[in-house]
PDB file of all heavy atoms in Angstrom:
ATOM      1  N   SER A   1     -87.069 129.773 -40.521  1.00  0.00           N
ATOM      2  CA  SER A   1     -86.629 128.516 -41.114  1.00  0.00           C
ATOM      3  C   SER A   1     -87.485 128.071 -42.267  1.00  0.00           C
ATOM      4  O   SER A   1     -87.008 127.616 -43.307  1.00  0.00           O
ATOM      5  CB  SER A   1     -86.578 127.443 -40.037  1.00  0.00           C
ATOM      6  OG  SER A   1     -85.672 127.808 -38.992  1.00  0.00           O
ATOM      7  N   ILE A   2     -88.800 128.222 -42.078  1.00  0.00           N
ATOM      8  CA  ILE A   2     -89.719 127.823 -43.160  1.00  0.00           C
ATOM      9  C   ILE A   2     -89.536 128.698 -44.402  1.00  0.00           C
ATOM     10  O   ILE A   2     -89.545 128.200 -45.553  1.00  0.00           O
ATOM     11  CB  ILE A   2     -91.197 127.953 -42.656  1.00  0.00           C
ATOM     12  CG1 ILE A   2     -91.448 126.873 -41.593  1.00  0.00           C
ATOM     13  CG2 ILE A   2     -92.186 127.785 -43.821  1.00  0.00           C
ATOM     14  CD1 ILE A   2     -92.777 127.019 -40.857  1.00  0.00           C
ATOM     15  N   VAL A   3     -89.302 129.997 -44.156  1.00  0.00           N
ATOM     16  CA  VAL A   3     -89.042 130.928 -45.288  1.00  0.00           C
ATOM     17  C   VAL A   3     -87.840 130.491 -46.065  1.00  0.00           C
ATOM     18  O   VAL A   3     -87.817 130.443 -47.291  1.00  0.00           O
ATOM     19  CB  VAL A   3     -88.875 132.374 -44.757  1.00  0.00           C
ATOM     20  CG1 VAL A   3     -88.305 133.230 -45.866  1.00  0.00           C
ATOM     21  CG2 VAL A   3     -90.176 132.917 -44.235  1.00  0.00           C
ATOM     22  N   PHE A   4     -86.751 130.137 -45.354  1.00  0.00           N
ATOM     23  CA  PHE A   4     -85.502 129.736 -46.043  1.00  0.00           C
ATOM     24  C   PHE A   4     -85.625 128.326 -46.668  1.00  0.00           C
ATOM     25  O   PHE A   4     -84.875 128.049 -47.608  1.00  0.00           O
ATOM     26  CB  PHE A   4     -84.306 129.827 -45.066  1.00  0.00           C
ATOM     27  CG  PHE A   4     -83.935 131.228 -44.761  1.00  0.00           C
ATOM     28  CD1 PHE A   4     -83.915 131.712 -43.463  1.00  0.00           C
ATOM     29  CD2 PHE A   4     -83.605 132.090 -45.799  1.00  0.00           C
ATOM     30  CE1 PHE A   4     -83.560 133.005 -43.191  1.00  0.00           C
ATOM     31  CE2 PHE A   4     -83.227 133.398 -45.517  1.00  0.00           C
ATOM     32  CZ  PHE A   4     -83.209 133.878 -44.204  1.00  0.00           C
ATOM     33  N   VAL A   5     -86.486 127.506 -46.127  1.00  0.00           N
ATOM     34  CA  VAL A   5     -86.744 126.217 -46.796  1.00  0.00           C
ATOM     35  C   VAL A   5     -87.334 126.476 -48.162  1.00  0.00           C
ATOM     36  O   VAL A   5     -86.914 125.867 -49.193  1.00  0.00           O
ATOM     37  CB  VAL A   5     -87.696 125.333 -45.920  1.00  0.00           C
ATOM     38  CG1 VAL A   5     -88.220 124.192 -46.796  1.00  0.00           C
ATOM     39  CG2 VAL A   5     -86.986 124.814 -44.702  1.00  0.00           C
ATOM     40  N   VAL A   6     -88.311 127.400 -48.221  1.00  0.00           N
ATOM     41  CA  VAL A   6     -88.907 127.773 -49.491  1.00  0.00           C
ATOM     42  C   VAL A   6     -87.860 128.369 -50.456  1.00  0.00           C
ATOM     43  O   VAL A   6     -87.799 128.055 -51.639  1.00  0.00           O
ATOM     44  CB  VAL A   6     -90.081 128.740 -49.283  1.00  0.00           C
ATOM     45  CG1 VAL A   6     -90.633 129.231 -50.626  1.00  0.00           C
ATOM     46  CG2 VAL A   6     -91.205 128.077 -48.475  1.00  0.00           C
ATOM     47  N   VAL A   7     -87.020 129.237 -49.892  1.00  0.00           N
ATOM     48  CA  VAL A   7     -85.942 129.864 -50.703  1.00  0.00           C
ATOM     49  C   VAL A   7     -85.007 128.800 -51.290  1.00  0.00           C
ATOM     50  O   VAL A   7     -84.689 128.838 -52.473  1.00  0.00           O
ATOM     51  CB  VAL A   7     -85.143 130.875 -49.834  1.00  0.00           C
ATOM     52  CG1 VAL A   7     -83.889 131.296 -50.602  1.00  0.00           C
ATOM     53  CG2 VAL A   7     -86.003 132.090 -49.485  1.00  0.00           C
ATOM     54  N   ALA A   8     -84.623 127.845 -50.443  1.00  0.00           N
ATOM     55  CA  ALA A   8     -83.688 126.800 -50.933  1.00  0.00           C
ATOM     56  C   ALA A   8     -84.356 125.923 -52.001  1.00  0.00           C
ATOM     57  O   ALA A   8     -83.699 125.529 -52.951  1.00  0.00           O
ATOM     58  CB  ALA A   8     -83.241 125.943 -49.759  1.00  0.00           C
ATOM     59  N   LEU A   9     -85.652 125.662 -51.832  1.00  0.00           N
ATOM     60  CA  LEU A   9     -86.349 124.827 -52.808  1.00  0.00           C
ATOM     61  C   LEU A   9     -86.507 125.503 -54.153  1.00  0.00           C
ATOM     62  O   LEU A   9     -86.560 124.847 -55.195  1.00  0.00           O
ATOM     63  CB  LEU A   9     -87.700 124.374 -52.257  1.00  0.00           C
ATOM     64  CG  LEU A   9     -87.728 123.417 -51.074  1.00  0.00           C
ATOM     65  CD1 LEU A   9     -89.144 123.220 -50.537  1.00  0.00           C
ATOM     66  CD2 LEU A   9     -87.105 122.106 -51.451  1.00  0.00           C
ATOM     67  N   THR A  10     -86.595 126.830 -54.147  1.00  0.00           N
ATOM     68  CA  THR A  10     -86.748 127.554 -55.415  1.00  0.00           C
ATOM     69  C   THR A  10     -85.448 127.838 -56.120  1.00  0.00           C
ATOM     70  O   THR A  10     -85.472 128.212 -57.287  1.00  0.00           O
ATOM     71  CB  THR A  10     -87.510 128.876 -55.171  1.00  0.00           C
ATOM     72  OG1 THR A  10     -86.764 129.630 -54.199  1.00  0.00           O
ATOM     73  CG2 THR A  10     -88.903 128.616 -54.629  1.00  0.00           C
ATOM     74  N   LEU A  11     -84.288 127.683 -55.422  1.00  0.00           N
ATOM     75  CA  LEU A  11     -83.029 128.026 -56.029  1.00  0.00           C
ATOM     76  C   LEU A  11     -82.646 127.045 -57.123  1.00  0.00           C
ATOM     77  O   LEU A  11     -82.078 127.446 -58.160  1.00  0.00           O
ATOM     78  CB  LEU A  11     -81.939 128.066 -54.973  1.00  0.00           C
ATOM     79  CG  LEU A  11     -81.842 129.348 -54.170  1.00  0.00           C
ATOM     80  CD1 LEU A  11     -80.768 129.229 -53.094  1.00  0.00           C
ATOM     81  CD2 LEU A  11     -81.486 130.538 -55.081  1.00  0.00           C
ATOM     82  N   ASN A  12     -82.930 125.780 -56.915  1.00  0.00           N
ATOM     83  CA  ASN A  12     -82.495 124.789 -57.899  1.00  0.00           C
ATOM     84  C   ASN A  12     -83.200 124.961 -59.250  1.00  0.00           C
ATOM     85  O   ASN A  12     -82.553 124.894 -60.291  1.00  0.00           O
ATOM     86  CB  ASN A  12     -82.698 123.382 -57.351  1.00  0.00           C
ATOM     87  CG  ASN A  12     -81.775 122.393 -58.085  1.00  0.00           C
ATOM     88  OD1 ASN A  12     -80.631 122.727 -58.385  1.00  0.00           O
ATOM     89  ND2 ASN A  12     -82.293 121.197 -58.339  1.00  0.00           N
ATOM     90  N   PRO A  13     -84.544 125.233 -59.292  1.00  0.00           N
ATOM     91  CA  PRO A  13     -85.136 125.509 -60.590  1.00  0.00           C
ATOM     92  C   PRO A  13     -84.525 126.708 -61.293  1.00  0.00           C
ATOM     93  O   PRO A  13     -84.342 126.712 -62.481  1.00  0.00           O
ATOM     94  CB  PRO A  13     -86.627 125.747 -60.206  1.00  0.00           C
ATOM     95  CG  PRO A  13     -86.839 124.992 -58.958  1.00  0.00           C
ATOM     96  CD  PRO A  13     -85.551 125.099 -58.202  1.00  0.00           C
ATOM     97  N   ILE A  14     -84.178 127.719 -60.490  1.00  0.00           N
ATOM     98  CA  ILE A  14     -83.557 128.916 -61.066  1.00  0.00           C
ATOM     99  C   ILE A  14     -82.200 128.546 -61.654  1.00  0.00           C
ATOM    100  O   ILE A  14     -81.838 128.953 -62.766  1.00  0.00           O
ATOM    101  CB  ILE A  14     -83.445 130.043 -60.020  1.00  0.00           C
ATOM    102  CG1 ILE A  14     -84.809 130.519 -59.578  1.00  0.00           C
ATOM    103  CG2 ILE A  14     -82.632 131.215 -60.557  1.00  0.00           C
ATOM    104  CD1 ILE A  14     -84.799 131.486 -58.435  1.00  0.00           C
ATOM    105  N   ALA A  15     -81.430 127.765 -60.881  1.00  0.00           N
ATOM    106  CA  ALA A  15     -80.096 127.357 -61.370  1.00  0.00           C
ATOM    107  C   ALA A  15     -80.197 126.461 -62.554  1.00  0.00           C
ATOM    108  O   ALA A  15     -79.376 126.532 -63.482  1.00  0.00           O
ATOM    109  CB  ALA A  15     -79.360 126.667 -60.201  1.00  0.00           C
ATOM    110  N   SER A  16     -81.189 125.596 -62.579  1.00  0.00           N
ATOM    111  CA  SER A  16     -81.363 124.690 -63.734  1.00  0.00           C
ATOM    112  C   SER A  16     -81.716 125.473 -64.988  1.00  0.00           C
ATOM    113  O   SER A  16     -81.252 125.142 -66.082  1.00  0.00           O
ATOM    114  CB  SER A  16     -82.488 123.680 -63.420  1.00  0.00           C
ATOM    115  OG  SER A  16     -82.170 122.859 -62.306  1.00  0.00           O
ATOM    116  N   TYR A  17     -82.493 126.540 -64.811  1.00  0.00           N
ATOM    117  CA  TYR A  17     -82.815 127.398 -65.949  1.00  0.00           C
ATOM    118  C   TYR A  17     -81.543 128.039 -66.554  1.00  0.00           C
ATOM    119  O   TYR A  17     -81.440 128.260 -67.728  1.00  0.00           O
ATOM    120  CB  TYR A  17     -83.764 128.497 -65.509  1.00  0.00           C
ATOM    121  CG  TYR A  17     -84.187 129.414 -66.620  1.00  0.00           C
ATOM    122  CD1 TYR A  17     -85.143 129.017 -67.564  1.00  0.00           C
ATOM    123  CD2 TYR A  17     -83.621 130.704 -66.707  1.00  0.00           C
ATOM    124  CE1 TYR A  17     -85.505 129.869 -68.612  1.00  0.00           C
ATOM    125  CE2 TYR A  17     -83.986 131.580 -67.754  1.00  0.00           C
ATOM    126  CZ  TYR A  17     -84.903 131.129 -68.711  1.00  0.00           C
ATOM    127  OH  TYR A  17     -85.269 131.994 -69.720  1.00  0.00           O
ATOM    128  N   ALA A  18     -80.584 128.249 -65.639  1.00  0.00           N
ATOM    129  CA  ALA A  18     -79.309 128.805 -66.103  1.00  0.00           C
ATOM    130  C   ALA A  18     -78.349 127.742 -66.526  1.00  0.00           C
ATOM    131  O   ALA A  18     -77.140 127.971 -66.749  1.00  0.00           O
ATOM    132  CB  ALA A  18     -78.670 129.647 -64.978  1.00  0.00           C
ATOM    133  N   ALA A  19     -78.872 126.522 -66.716  1.00  0.00           N
ATOM    134  CA  ALA A  19     -78.051 125.370 -67.169  1.00  0.00           C
ATOM    135  C   ALA A  19     -76.934 125.063 -66.168  1.00  0.00           C
ATOM    136  O   ALA A  19     -75.866 124.604 -66.579  1.00  0.00           O
ATOM    137  CB  ALA A  19     -77.483 125.621 -68.562  1.00  0.00           C
ATOM    138  N   SER A  20     -77.202 125.293 -64.905  1.00  0.00           N
ATOM    139  CA  SER A  20     -76.187 125.009 -63.884  1.00  0.00           C
ATOM    140  C   SER A  20     -76.879 124.522 -62.626  1.00  0.00           C
ATOM    141  O   SER A  20     -76.901 125.224 -61.617  1.00  0.00           O
ATOM    142  CB  SER A  20     -75.332 126.271 -63.597  1.00  0.00           C
ATOM    143  OG  SER A  20     -74.362 126.011 -62.642  1.00  0.00           O
ATOM    144  N   PRO A  21     -77.474 123.335 -62.639  1.00  0.00           N
ATOM    145  CA  PRO A  21     -78.218 122.862 -61.467  1.00  0.00           C
ATOM    146  C   PRO A  21     -77.292 122.686 -60.259  1.00  0.00           C
ATOM    147  O   PRO A  21     -76.104 122.436 -60.408  1.00  0.00           O
ATOM    148  CB  PRO A  21     -78.725 121.491 -61.928  1.00  0.00           C
ATOM    149  CG  PRO A  21     -77.828 121.106 -63.039  1.00  0.00           C
ATOM    150  CD  PRO A  21     -77.443 122.334 -63.743  1.00  0.00           C
ATOM    151  N   VAL A  22     -77.883 122.861 -59.112  1.00  0.00           N
ATOM    152  CA  VAL A  22     -77.168 122.790 -57.838  1.00  0.00           C
ATOM    153  C   VAL A  22     -77.498 121.477 -57.154  1.00  0.00           C
ATOM    154  O   VAL A  22     -78.619 121.029 -57.130  1.00  0.00           O
ATOM    155  CB  VAL A  22     -77.549 123.974 -56.930  1.00  0.00           C
ATOM    156  CG1 VAL A  22     -76.784 123.862 -55.603  1.00  0.00           C
ATOM    157  CG2 VAL A  22     -77.266 125.275 -57.595  1.00  0.00           C
ATOM    158  N   SER A  23     -76.466 120.801 -56.619  1.00  0.00           N
ATOM    159  CA  SER A  23     -76.680 119.526 -55.973  1.00  0.00           C
ATOM    160  C   SER A  23     -77.517 119.673 -54.724  1.00  0.00           C
ATOM    161  O   SER A  23     -77.524 120.743 -54.074  1.00  0.00           O
ATOM    162  CB  SER A  23     -75.328 118.862 -55.608  1.00  0.00           C
ATOM    163  OG  SER A  23     -74.705 119.554 -54.570  1.00  0.00           O
ATOM    164  N   VAL A  24     -78.217 118.590 -54.364  1.00  0.00           N
ATOM    165  CA  VAL A  24     -79.049 118.623 -53.175  1.00  0.00           C
ATOM    166  C   VAL A  24     -78.200 118.850 -51.903  1.00  0.00           C
ATOM    167  O   VAL A  24     -78.613 119.563 -51.008  1.00  0.00           O
ATOM    168  CB  VAL A  24     -79.804 117.295 -53.021  1.00  0.00           C
ATOM    169  CG1 VAL A  24     -80.592 117.222 -51.695  1.00  0.00           C
ATOM    170  CG2 VAL A  24     -80.762 117.103 -54.202  1.00  0.00           C
ATOM    171  N   ALA A  25     -76.961 118.316 -51.886  1.00  0.00           N
ATOM    172  CA  ALA A  25     -76.113 118.503 -50.722  1.00  0.00           C
ATOM    173  C   ALA A  25     -75.751 119.974 -50.509  1.00  0.00           C
ATOM    174  O   ALA A  25     -75.767 120.472 -49.378  1.00  0.00           O
ATOM    175  CB  ALA A  25     -74.816 117.719 -50.914  1.00  0.00           C
ATOM    176  N   VAL A  26     -75.535 120.705 -51.607  1.00  0.00           N
ATOM    177  CA  VAL A  26     -75.224 122.135 -51.493  1.00  0.00           C
ATOM    178  C   VAL A  26     -76.457 122.902 -51.053  1.00  0.00           C
ATOM    179  O   VAL A  26     -76.379 123.814 -50.239  1.00  0.00           O
ATOM    180  CB  VAL A  26     -74.691 122.692 -52.831  1.00  0.00           C
ATOM    181  CG1 VAL A  26     -74.582 124.202 -52.800  1.00  0.00           C
ATOM    182  CG2 VAL A  26     -73.313 122.105 -53.157  1.00  0.00           C
ATOM    183  N   LEU A  27     -77.634 122.500 -51.545  1.00  0.00           N
ATOM    184  CA  LEU A  27     -78.885 123.159 -51.124  1.00  0.00           C
ATOM    185  C   LEU A  27     -79.147 122.955 -49.627  1.00  0.00           C
ATOM    186  O   LEU A  27     -79.553 123.888 -48.915  1.00  0.00           O
ATOM    187  CB  LEU A  27     -80.054 122.620 -51.922  1.00  0.00           C
ATOM    188  CG  LEU A  27     -80.157 123.086 -53.398  1.00  0.00           C
ATOM    189  CD1 LEU A  27     -81.294 122.331 -54.091  1.00  0.00           C
ATOM    190  CD2 LEU A  27     -80.353 124.574 -53.479  1.00  0.00           C
TER     191      LEU A  27
END
């Protein structure tokens, strides 16, 4: 669970870099 918390937290910066941020609800 801790590993996937880290994964989820790092996805939004990656998505923002692609000019497509992900909402917190989806994360």
